[in-house]
N, C-alpha and C. Protein backbone atom coordinates (compact mmCIF):
# COMPACT_ATOMS: atom_id res chain seq x y z
N MET A 1 21.94 -33.23 17.57
CA MET A 1 21.13 -32.52 18.46
C MET A 1 21.32 -32.85 19.55
N SER A 2 21.43 -32.30 20.56
CA SER A 2 21.85 -32.66 21.89
C SER A 2 20.74 -33.43 22.83
N GLU A 3 21.10 -34.04 23.74
CA GLU A 3 20.11 -34.58 24.57
C GLU A 3 19.09 -33.67 25.36
N LYS A 4 19.65 -32.46 25.65
CA LYS A 4 18.95 -31.56 26.45
C LYS A 4 17.74 -30.97 25.30
N GLU A 5 18.53 -30.57 24.19
CA GLU A 5 17.37 -29.99 23.11
C GLU A 5 16.14 -31.21 22.77
N ARG A 6 16.54 -32.75 22.49
CA ARG A 6 15.74 -33.57 22.47
C ARG A 6 14.59 -33.39 23.30
N SER A 7 15.12 -33.59 24.72
CA SER A 7 14.14 -33.72 25.81
C SER A 7 13.22 -32.27 25.87
N SER A 8 13.92 -31.37 25.38
CA SER A 8 12.88 -29.91 25.47
C SER A 8 11.88 -30.07 24.47
N LYS A 9 12.47 -30.57 23.16
CA LYS A 9 11.46 -30.78 22.42
C LYS A 9 10.29 -31.74 22.55
N PHE A 10 10.62 -32.86 23.03
CA PHE A 10 9.68 -33.81 23.26
C PHE A 10 8.59 -33.12 24.50
N ALA A 11 9.22 -32.38 25.30
CA ALA A 11 8.34 -32.03 26.45
C ALA A 11 7.19 -30.66 25.89
N MET A 12 7.90 -30.14 25.00
CA MET A 12 7.13 -29.08 24.20
C MET A 12 5.66 -29.81 23.10
N LEU A 13 6.31 -30.94 22.46
CA LEU A 13 5.29 -31.83 21.79
C LEU A 13 4.21 -32.44 22.69
N LYS A 14 4.61 -33.01 24.07
CA LYS A 14 3.74 -33.64 24.57
C LYS A 14 3.05 -32.61 25.33
N ALA A 15 3.56 -31.49 25.37
CA ALA A 15 2.62 -30.35 26.24
C ALA A 15 1.51 -29.59 25.31
N ILE A 16 1.74 -29.81 23.90
CA ILE A 16 0.78 -29.34 23.05
C ILE A 16 -0.23 -30.19 22.73
N SER A 17 0.33 -31.36 22.77
CA SER A 17 -0.59 -32.70 22.66
C SER A 17 -1.66 -32.67 23.71
N ASN A 18 -1.07 -32.74 24.74
CA ASN A 18 -1.87 -32.65 25.88
C ASN A 18 -2.97 -31.42 25.95
N GLN A 19 -2.72 -30.40 25.44
CA GLN A 19 -3.54 -29.29 25.22
C GLN A 19 -4.77 -29.31 24.24
N ARG A 20 -4.37 -30.07 23.32
CA ARG A 20 -5.37 -30.24 22.16
C ARG A 20 -6.30 -31.17 22.70
N HIS A 21 -6.15 -32.19 23.42
CA HIS A 21 -6.73 -33.22 24.03
C HIS A 21 -7.93 -32.64 25.22
N LEU A 22 -7.22 -31.73 25.65
CA LEU A 22 -8.34 -31.33 27.03
C LEU A 22 -9.38 -30.48 26.38
N SER A 23 -10.52 -30.64 26.99
CA SER A 23 -11.64 -29.97 26.42
C SER A 23 -12.01 -28.87 27.58
N GLY A 24 -12.50 -27.56 27.48
CA GLY A 24 -12.98 -26.39 27.79
C GLY A 24 -11.65 -25.64 28.16
N GLU A 25 -11.94 -24.95 29.55
CA GLU A 25 -10.95 -23.90 29.68
C GLU A 25 -9.63 -24.76 30.57
N ALA A 26 -8.60 -24.51 29.92
CA ALA A 26 -7.53 -25.21 30.90
C ALA A 26 -6.32 -24.28 31.21
N ASP A 27 -5.57 -24.76 31.89
CA ASP A 27 -4.30 -24.13 32.60
C ASP A 27 -3.21 -24.42 31.74
N ARG A 28 -3.07 -22.85 30.98
CA ARG A 28 -1.83 -22.59 30.35
C ARG A 28 -0.61 -22.68 30.44
N SER A 29 -0.15 -22.29 31.58
CA SER A 29 0.84 -21.94 32.65
C SER A 29 2.11 -23.24 31.98
N ASN A 30 1.41 -24.36 32.08
CA ASN A 30 2.51 -25.38 31.48
C ASN A 30 2.84 -25.17 30.36
N LEU A 31 2.06 -25.00 29.44
CA LEU A 31 2.46 -25.05 28.10
C LEU A 31 3.28 -23.57 27.98
N ASN A 32 2.82 -22.68 28.54
CA ASN A 32 3.49 -21.46 28.25
C ASN A 32 5.25 -21.57 28.77
N ALA A 33 5.25 -22.20 29.86
CA ALA A 33 6.59 -22.77 30.23
C ALA A 33 7.25 -23.50 29.52
N THR A 34 6.82 -24.28 28.77
CA THR A 34 7.40 -25.14 27.86
C THR A 34 8.06 -24.35 26.64
N LEU A 35 7.03 -23.40 26.25
CA LEU A 35 7.29 -22.80 25.05
C LEU A 35 8.54 -21.60 25.15
N VAL A 36 8.37 -20.91 26.47
CA VAL A 36 9.48 -20.12 26.47
C VAL A 36 11.11 -21.01 26.46
N LYS A 37 11.72 -20.17 25.61
CA LYS A 37 13.00 -20.70 25.42
C LYS A 37 14.12 -20.02 25.84
N SER A 38 15.41 -20.29 26.15
CA SER A 38 16.43 -19.74 26.49
C SER A 38 17.16 -18.66 25.37
N SER A 39 17.82 -17.98 25.71
CA SER A 39 18.41 -16.96 24.85
C SER A 39 19.39 -17.82 24.28
N LEU A 40 20.04 -18.70 24.35
CA LEU A 40 21.03 -19.51 23.82
C LEU A 40 20.38 -20.52 22.86
N TRP A 41 19.27 -21.03 23.33
CA TRP A 41 18.24 -21.56 22.02
C TRP A 41 17.94 -20.47 21.15
N LYS A 42 17.53 -19.25 21.39
CA LYS A 42 16.97 -18.32 20.35
C LYS A 42 18.28 -17.69 19.45
N LYS A 43 19.42 -17.82 20.22
CA LYS A 43 20.40 -17.41 19.45
C LYS A 43 21.21 -18.55 18.29
N ASN A 44 20.89 -19.83 18.75
CA ASN A 44 21.14 -20.93 17.70
C ASN A 44 20.29 -20.99 16.79
N THR A 45 19.13 -20.87 17.06
CA THR A 45 17.93 -20.82 15.91
C THR A 45 18.17 -19.73 14.84
N LEU A 46 18.45 -18.28 15.56
CA LEU A 46 18.81 -17.27 14.58
C LEU A 46 19.90 -17.47 13.56
N GLN A 47 21.01 -18.38 14.42
CA GLN A 47 22.31 -18.78 13.45
C GLN A 47 21.86 -19.67 12.26
N LYS A 48 20.94 -20.65 12.78
CA LYS A 48 20.65 -21.63 11.75
C LYS A 48 19.77 -21.12 10.74
N ILE A 49 18.79 -19.95 11.12
CA ILE A 49 18.16 -19.29 9.96
C ILE A 49 18.90 -18.38 9.08
N ALA A 50 20.26 -17.85 9.72
CA ALA A 50 20.98 -16.91 8.95
C ALA A 50 21.94 -17.86 7.93
N GLN A 51 22.06 -19.30 8.34
CA GLN A 51 23.14 -19.95 7.58
C GLN A 51 22.26 -20.32 6.45
N SER A 52 20.81 -20.34 6.84
CA SER A 52 20.21 -21.30 5.58
C SER A 52 19.70 -20.23 4.53
N ALA A 53 19.95 -19.03 4.57
CA ALA A 53 19.22 -17.97 4.07
C ALA A 53 19.83 -18.07 2.39
N GLU A 54 18.95 -17.90 1.81
CA GLU A 54 19.31 -17.92 0.47
C GLU A 54 19.91 -16.51 -0.29
N PRO A 55 20.86 -16.59 -1.17
CA PRO A 55 21.31 -14.97 -1.67
C PRO A 55 20.05 -14.45 -2.30
N ILE A 56 20.05 -12.92 -2.13
CA ILE A 56 19.27 -12.15 -2.44
C ILE A 56 19.42 -11.88 -3.91
N THR A 57 18.57 -11.91 -4.90
CA THR A 57 18.98 -11.68 -6.09
C THR A 57 18.18 -10.64 -6.42
N THR A 58 18.66 -9.59 -7.38
CA THR A 58 17.91 -8.40 -7.51
C THR A 58 17.96 -8.20 -9.16
N HIS A 59 16.82 -7.61 -9.67
CA HIS A 59 16.27 -7.69 -11.16
C HIS A 59 16.46 -6.40 -11.85
N ASP A 60 16.96 -5.28 -10.94
CA ASP A 60 17.05 -3.94 -11.34
C ASP A 60 18.50 -3.87 -12.13
N VAL A 61 18.47 -2.98 -13.31
CA VAL A 61 19.51 -2.58 -13.98
C VAL A 61 20.44 -1.69 -13.35
N ARG A 62 21.64 -1.97 -13.17
CA ARG A 62 22.39 -0.62 -12.35
C ARG A 62 23.41 0.10 -12.87
N THR A 63 23.67 1.02 -12.72
CA THR A 63 24.50 2.04 -13.64
C THR A 63 25.85 1.62 -13.13
N GLU A 64 26.89 1.99 -14.06
CA GLU A 64 28.30 1.66 -13.91
C GLU A 64 28.74 2.23 -12.31
N GLY A 65 28.13 3.65 -12.20
CA GLY A 65 28.40 4.51 -10.88
C GLY A 65 28.27 3.48 -9.67
N GLU A 66 26.91 3.09 -9.75
CA GLU A 66 26.41 2.24 -8.70
C GLU A 66 27.27 0.73 -8.69
N ILE A 67 27.49 0.24 -9.59
CA ILE A 67 28.35 -0.99 -9.49
C ILE A 67 29.64 -0.61 -8.72
N ALA A 68 30.47 0.39 -9.53
CA ALA A 68 31.62 0.84 -8.81
C ALA A 68 31.63 1.03 -7.15
N LEU A 69 30.53 1.66 -6.66
CA LEU A 69 30.37 2.17 -5.21
C LEU A 69 30.35 0.63 -4.65
N ASP A 70 29.49 -0.22 -5.04
CA ASP A 70 29.18 -1.49 -4.71
C ASP A 70 30.49 -2.23 -4.49
N THR A 71 31.30 -1.95 -5.37
CA THR A 71 32.43 -2.78 -5.21
C THR A 71 33.29 -2.27 -4.24
N GLU A 72 33.38 -0.92 -3.87
CA GLU A 72 34.16 -0.40 -3.02
C GLU A 72 33.60 -0.69 -1.61
N ARG A 73 32.33 -0.82 -1.11
CA ARG A 73 31.60 -1.02 -0.26
C ARG A 73 31.64 -2.29 -0.03
N SER A 74 31.68 -3.13 -1.11
CA SER A 74 31.57 -4.86 -0.84
C SER A 74 32.48 -5.45 -0.30
N VAL A 75 33.76 -4.75 0.09
CA VAL A 75 34.93 -5.61 0.58
C VAL A 75 34.87 -5.26 2.22
N PRO A 76 34.21 -5.90 3.18
CA PRO A 76 34.52 -5.77 4.37
C PRO A 76 35.96 -5.40 5.00
N LEU A 77 36.28 -5.27 6.16
CA LEU A 77 37.32 -5.25 6.76
C LEU A 77 38.08 -6.56 6.92
N GLY A 78 37.32 -7.39 7.34
CA GLY A 78 37.90 -8.93 7.49
C GLY A 78 37.79 -9.64 6.47
N GLU A 79 37.25 -9.24 5.19
CA GLU A 79 37.00 -10.23 4.04
C GLU A 79 38.52 -10.72 3.35
N ASN A 80 39.48 -9.74 3.16
CA ASN A 80 40.58 -9.75 2.57
C ASN A 80 41.65 -10.49 3.75
N ASP A 81 41.50 -10.41 4.84
CA ASP A 81 42.21 -10.71 5.78
C ASP A 81 42.40 -12.47 5.89
N ASP A 82 43.53 -12.86 5.78
CA ASP A 82 43.61 -14.29 5.71
C ASP A 82 42.95 -14.89 7.46
N SER A 83 43.12 -14.17 8.15
CA SER A 83 42.42 -14.65 9.62
C SER A 83 41.13 -14.84 9.50
N ALA A 84 40.37 -13.97 8.77
CA ALA A 84 38.91 -14.07 8.67
C ALA A 84 38.48 -15.27 8.28
N SER A 85 37.60 -15.95 9.02
CA SER A 85 37.06 -17.38 8.81
C SER A 85 35.89 -17.26 7.73
N GLN A 86 35.74 -18.45 7.10
CA GLN A 86 34.67 -18.48 6.04
C GLN A 86 33.26 -18.11 6.78
N GLU A 87 33.09 -18.50 8.01
CA GLU A 87 31.84 -18.14 8.67
C GLU A 87 31.64 -16.52 8.44
N GLU A 88 32.70 -15.90 8.82
CA GLU A 88 32.70 -14.30 8.66
C GLU A 88 32.45 -13.94 7.31
N ARG A 89 33.03 -14.24 6.28
CA ARG A 89 33.06 -13.83 5.02
C ARG A 89 31.64 -14.33 4.56
N ARG A 90 30.92 -15.23 5.01
CA ARG A 90 29.63 -15.49 4.62
C ARG A 90 28.72 -14.73 5.02
N LYS A 91 28.73 -14.33 6.44
CA LYS A 91 27.78 -13.18 6.96
C LYS A 91 28.32 -12.18 6.35
N SER A 92 29.66 -11.61 5.71
CA SER A 92 29.66 -10.42 5.48
C SER A 92 29.03 -10.15 3.95
N ALA A 93 29.04 -11.57 3.43
CA ALA A 93 28.44 -11.59 2.08
C ALA A 93 26.86 -11.52 2.26
N ILE A 94 26.35 -11.91 2.96
CA ILE A 94 24.63 -11.76 3.55
C ILE A 94 24.38 -10.49 3.81
N LEU A 95 25.29 -9.90 4.82
CA LEU A 95 25.07 -8.46 5.09
C LEU A 95 25.22 -7.69 3.80
N ARG A 96 25.96 -7.87 3.01
CA ARG A 96 26.12 -6.83 1.74
C ARG A 96 24.96 -6.95 1.10
N ARG A 97 24.57 -8.36 0.92
CA ARG A 97 23.55 -8.40 -0.15
C ARG A 97 22.28 -7.86 0.60
N ARG A 98 22.13 -7.81 1.62
CA ARG A 98 20.80 -7.44 2.28
C ARG A 98 21.21 -5.88 2.40
N THR A 99 22.11 -5.37 2.57
CA THR A 99 22.30 -3.76 2.47
C THR A 99 22.03 -3.29 0.93
N GLU A 100 22.46 -4.22 -0.07
CA GLU A 100 22.22 -3.59 -1.26
C GLU A 100 20.65 -3.68 -1.49
N GLU A 101 19.87 -5.07 -1.35
CA GLU A 101 18.38 -5.02 -1.31
C GLU A 101 17.73 -3.76 -0.58
N ILE A 102 18.07 -3.55 0.48
CA ILE A 102 17.38 -2.26 1.06
C ILE A 102 17.48 -1.08 0.23
N GLU A 103 18.83 -0.93 -0.20
CA GLU A 103 19.06 0.39 -1.00
C GLU A 103 17.99 0.39 -1.90
N ARG A 104 18.26 -1.01 -2.75
CA ARG A 104 17.31 -0.93 -3.97
C ARG A 104 15.96 -0.69 -3.38
N LEU A 105 15.46 -1.25 -2.62
CA LEU A 105 13.91 -1.23 -2.19
C LEU A 105 13.62 0.35 -1.64
N ARG A 106 14.72 1.17 -1.12
CA ARG A 106 14.59 2.47 -0.58
C ARG A 106 14.59 3.23 -2.24
N ARG A 107 15.23 3.15 -3.25
CA ARG A 107 14.89 3.73 -4.43
C ARG A 107 13.91 3.56 -5.21
N GLU A 108 13.49 2.47 -5.05
CA GLU A 108 12.04 1.98 -5.49
C GLU A 108 10.96 2.61 -4.87
N ILE A 109 11.10 2.80 -3.51
CA ILE A 109 9.90 3.52 -2.38
C ILE A 109 9.97 5.01 -3.01
N ALA A 110 11.06 5.62 -3.25
CA ALA A 110 11.19 6.66 -3.80
C ALA A 110 10.65 7.13 -4.88
N LYS A 111 11.04 6.13 -5.77
CA LYS A 111 10.17 6.01 -7.31
C LYS A 111 8.59 6.39 -6.93
N LEU A 112 8.30 5.29 -6.40
CA LEU A 112 7.10 4.96 -6.35
C LEU A 112 6.28 6.27 -5.40
N ASN A 113 6.97 6.90 -4.66
CA ASN A 113 6.52 8.07 -3.71
C ASN A 113 6.43 9.31 -4.80
N GLU A 114 7.26 9.29 -5.66
CA GLU A 114 7.19 10.14 -6.87
C GLU A 114 6.11 10.22 -7.88
N GLU A 115 5.84 9.11 -8.01
CA GLU A 115 4.70 8.75 -9.06
C GLU A 115 3.48 8.90 -8.23
N ASN A 116 3.42 8.40 -7.16
CA ASN A 116 2.14 8.81 -6.43
C ASN A 116 1.65 10.19 -6.34
N ALA A 117 2.84 11.07 -5.97
CA ALA A 117 2.50 12.46 -5.98
C ALA A 117 2.17 12.87 -7.64
N ARG A 118 2.63 12.48 -8.45
CA ARG A 118 2.62 12.75 -9.91
C ARG A 118 1.05 12.62 -10.27
N LEU A 119 0.66 11.10 -9.83
CA LEU A 119 -0.91 10.85 -10.12
C LEU A 119 -1.80 11.64 -9.38
N THR A 120 -1.24 11.73 -7.82
CA THR A 120 -2.43 12.59 -7.03
C THR A 120 -2.63 13.91 -7.79
N GLU A 121 -1.38 14.64 -8.07
CA GLU A 121 -1.59 15.86 -8.86
C GLU A 121 -2.45 15.97 -10.19
N LEU A 122 -2.65 14.87 -10.92
CA LEU A 122 -3.04 14.92 -12.03
C LEU A 122 -4.48 14.68 -11.77
N HIS A 123 -4.62 13.57 -10.98
CA HIS A 123 -6.08 13.47 -10.31
C HIS A 123 -6.87 14.91 -9.84
N GLN A 124 -6.08 15.22 -9.14
CA GLN A 124 -6.51 16.76 -8.53
C GLN A 124 -6.74 17.48 -9.65
N ASN A 125 -6.21 17.76 -10.56
CA ASN A 125 -6.30 18.75 -11.70
C ASN A 125 -7.69 18.02 -12.50
N LYS A 126 -7.92 16.86 -12.61
CA LYS A 126 -8.90 16.50 -13.51
C LYS A 126 -9.98 16.62 -12.70
N LEU A 127 -10.16 16.30 -11.25
CA LEU A 127 -11.36 16.86 -10.36
C LEU A 127 -11.67 18.25 -10.42
N ASP A 128 -10.82 19.00 -10.83
CA ASP A 128 -10.88 20.68 -10.58
C ASP A 128 -11.45 20.96 -12.01
N ALA A 129 -11.02 20.58 -13.13
CA ALA A 129 -11.47 20.47 -14.36
C ALA A 129 -13.00 19.93 -14.22
N HIS A 130 -13.28 19.04 -13.63
CA HIS A 130 -14.64 18.36 -13.75
C HIS A 130 -15.51 19.23 -12.96
N ARG A 131 -14.79 19.76 -11.78
CA ARG A 131 -15.80 20.44 -11.07
C ARG A 131 -16.10 21.88 -11.65
N ASN A 132 -15.15 22.38 -12.47
CA ASN A 132 -15.35 23.60 -12.95
C ASN A 132 -16.38 23.42 -14.24
N GLU A 133 -16.20 22.23 -14.97
CA GLU A 133 -17.37 22.21 -16.09
C GLU A 133 -18.54 21.84 -15.21
N LEU A 134 -18.63 21.46 -14.34
CA LEU A 134 -20.15 21.18 -13.59
C LEU A 134 -20.67 22.59 -13.12
N LEU A 135 -19.79 23.53 -12.90
CA LEU A 135 -20.04 24.83 -12.46
C LEU A 135 -20.80 25.57 -13.71
N GLU A 136 -20.19 25.37 -14.77
CA GLU A 136 -20.56 25.73 -16.33
C GLU A 136 -21.58 25.38 -16.64
N PHE A 137 -22.09 24.24 -16.45
CA PHE A 137 -23.20 23.43 -17.03
C PHE A 137 -24.25 24.05 -15.79
N GLN A 138 -24.01 24.44 -14.36
CA GLN A 138 -24.89 24.89 -13.54
C GLN A 138 -25.36 26.40 -14.12
N ARG A 139 -24.32 27.00 -14.54
CA ARG A 139 -24.56 28.27 -14.69
C ARG A 139 -25.57 28.47 -15.88
N ALA A 140 -25.17 27.69 -17.03
CA ALA A 140 -25.95 27.73 -18.16
C ALA A 140 -27.27 27.11 -18.01
N PHE A 141 -27.66 26.10 -17.12
CA PHE A 141 -29.07 25.70 -16.68
C PHE A 141 -29.74 26.77 -15.98
N ASP A 142 -29.15 27.45 -15.26
CA ASP A 142 -29.82 28.49 -14.35
C ASP A 142 -30.17 29.67 -15.85
N GLU A 143 -29.36 29.76 -16.44
CA GLU A 143 -29.62 31.03 -17.44
C GLU A 143 -30.72 30.36 -18.23
N PHE A 144 -30.74 29.08 -18.73
CA PHE A 144 -31.80 28.62 -19.43
C PHE A 144 -33.06 28.65 -18.92
N GLN A 145 -33.22 28.17 -17.64
CA GLN A 145 -34.37 28.39 -16.77
C GLN A 145 -34.92 29.57 -16.67
N GLN A 146 -34.25 30.86 -16.40
CA GLN A 146 -34.64 32.05 -16.38
C GLN A 146 -35.21 32.52 -18.01
N GLN A 147 -34.58 32.34 -18.69
CA GLN A 147 -34.91 32.62 -20.16
C GLN A 147 -36.20 32.06 -20.41
N SER A 148 -36.22 30.58 -20.11
CA SER A 148 -37.47 29.89 -20.38
C SER A 148 -38.58 30.63 -19.36
N ASP A 149 -38.28 30.51 -18.44
CA ASP A 149 -39.59 31.55 -17.50
C ASP A 149 -39.77 32.78 -17.91
N LEU A 150 -39.01 33.76 -18.14
CA LEU A 150 -39.37 34.90 -19.08
C LEU A 150 -40.29 34.46 -20.50
N LEU A 151 -39.78 33.35 -20.88
CA LEU A 151 -40.55 33.19 -22.53
C LEU A 151 -41.95 32.72 -22.27
N LEU A 152 -41.95 31.64 -21.44
CA LEU A 152 -43.43 31.34 -20.62
C LEU A 152 -44.23 32.40 -20.23
N THR A 153 -43.88 33.40 -19.41
CA THR A 153 -44.41 34.51 -18.97
C THR A 153 -44.95 35.67 -20.17
N GLU A 154 -44.02 35.47 -21.13
CA GLU A 154 -44.33 36.60 -22.14
C GLU A 154 -45.24 35.75 -23.01
N LEU A 155 -45.28 34.06 -23.31
CA LEU A 155 -46.27 33.68 -24.04
C LEU A 155 -47.64 33.56 -23.15
N ASP A 156 -47.70 33.43 -22.05
CA ASP A 156 -48.93 33.47 -21.27
C ASP A 156 -49.48 34.80 -21.47
N GLN A 157 -48.81 35.96 -21.37
CA GLN A 157 -49.26 37.20 -21.50
C GLN A 157 -49.74 37.33 -23.08
N ASP A 158 -49.36 37.00 -23.94
CA ASP A 158 -49.49 37.00 -25.64
C ASP A 158 -50.78 35.90 -25.55
N ASN A 159 -50.79 34.94 -24.85
CA ASN A 159 -52.15 34.32 -24.91
C ASN A 159 -53.22 34.85 -24.38
N GLU A 160 -53.36 35.68 -23.50
CA GLU A 160 -54.21 36.25 -22.69
C GLU A 160 -54.63 37.55 -23.58
N ARG A 161 -53.58 38.28 -24.02
CA ARG A 161 -53.80 39.21 -24.93
C ARG A 161 -54.86 38.99 -26.15
N LEU A 162 -54.36 37.48 -26.51
CA LEU A 162 -55.03 37.23 -28.05
C LEU A 162 -56.70 36.65 -27.50
N ARG A 163 -56.73 36.14 -26.45
CA ARG A 163 -58.23 35.58 -25.97
C ARG A 163 -58.95 36.68 -25.86
N LEU A 164 -58.25 37.93 -25.12
CA LEU A 164 -59.14 39.44 -24.98
C LEU A 164 -59.63 39.65 -26.80
N GLU A 165 -58.58 39.51 -27.53
CA GLU A 165 -58.67 40.11 -28.56
C GLU A 165 -59.95 39.42 -29.18
N CYS A 166 -59.81 38.05 -29.32
CA CYS A 166 -60.86 37.13 -29.81
C CYS A 166 -62.22 37.63 -29.31
N LYS A 167 -62.20 37.66 -28.00
CA LYS A 167 -63.69 37.96 -27.36
C LYS A 167 -63.94 39.15 -27.73
N VAL A 168 -63.23 39.97 -27.85
CA VAL A 168 -63.99 41.64 -28.35
C VAL A 168 -64.43 41.33 -29.87
N ASN A 169 -63.43 40.81 -30.62
CA ASN A 169 -63.48 40.84 -32.24
C ASN A 169 -64.58 39.79 -32.53
N ASN A 170 -64.85 38.79 -31.63
CA ASN A 170 -65.65 37.62 -31.94
C ASN A 170 -66.62 37.55 -30.94
N LYS A 171 -67.79 38.02 -30.73
CA LYS A 171 -68.73 38.05 -29.56
C LYS A 171 -69.20 36.45 -29.36
N ARG A 172 -69.42 35.69 -30.12
CA ARG A 172 -69.69 34.63 -30.17
C ARG A 172 -68.72 33.58 -29.89
N SER A 173 -67.64 33.60 -29.66
CA SER A 173 -66.37 33.00 -29.27
C SER A 173 -66.75 32.06 -27.99
N LEU A 174 -66.23 31.21 -27.44
CA LEU A 174 -66.29 30.54 -26.23
C LEU A 174 -65.09 30.74 -25.46
N LEU A 175 -64.06 31.20 -26.21
CA LEU A 175 -62.75 31.62 -25.23
C LEU A 175 -63.48 32.68 -24.40
């Protein structure tokens, strides 16, 4: 680690420590200035992250056609060239693995979208069937209610007619 990076890191830690110990509303301009890094620092950090990246493994089964396509695509221009450095080959391999993973994820997303569309259609069909069933129940209930109202009216009329007959035939009846 160079002296410049060490002093920058020390200043940043000191600023964060000071900020923690302050109470109330603090002036953050000092801390913000410390945290802002140069483009060179960002580039070096990104390179370190890329170097420490582990290989991406996939667990899906691929067809022979996909493997053949991957083999054709997997050899970038500089990889077979003796002038290509180890770093370029490593970056090329990382890029190839990332591209493969992106393609695998795209296929998986397409499958999931198809499954989602199928399940949505199935769900809608079930809802429509349930709605139709409820409409049939409502129609049957309405018909039952009409029939029962007619029957009750008819029974009330019969009951009234029988009372009148009973009164006429039996003068002593309390009805």
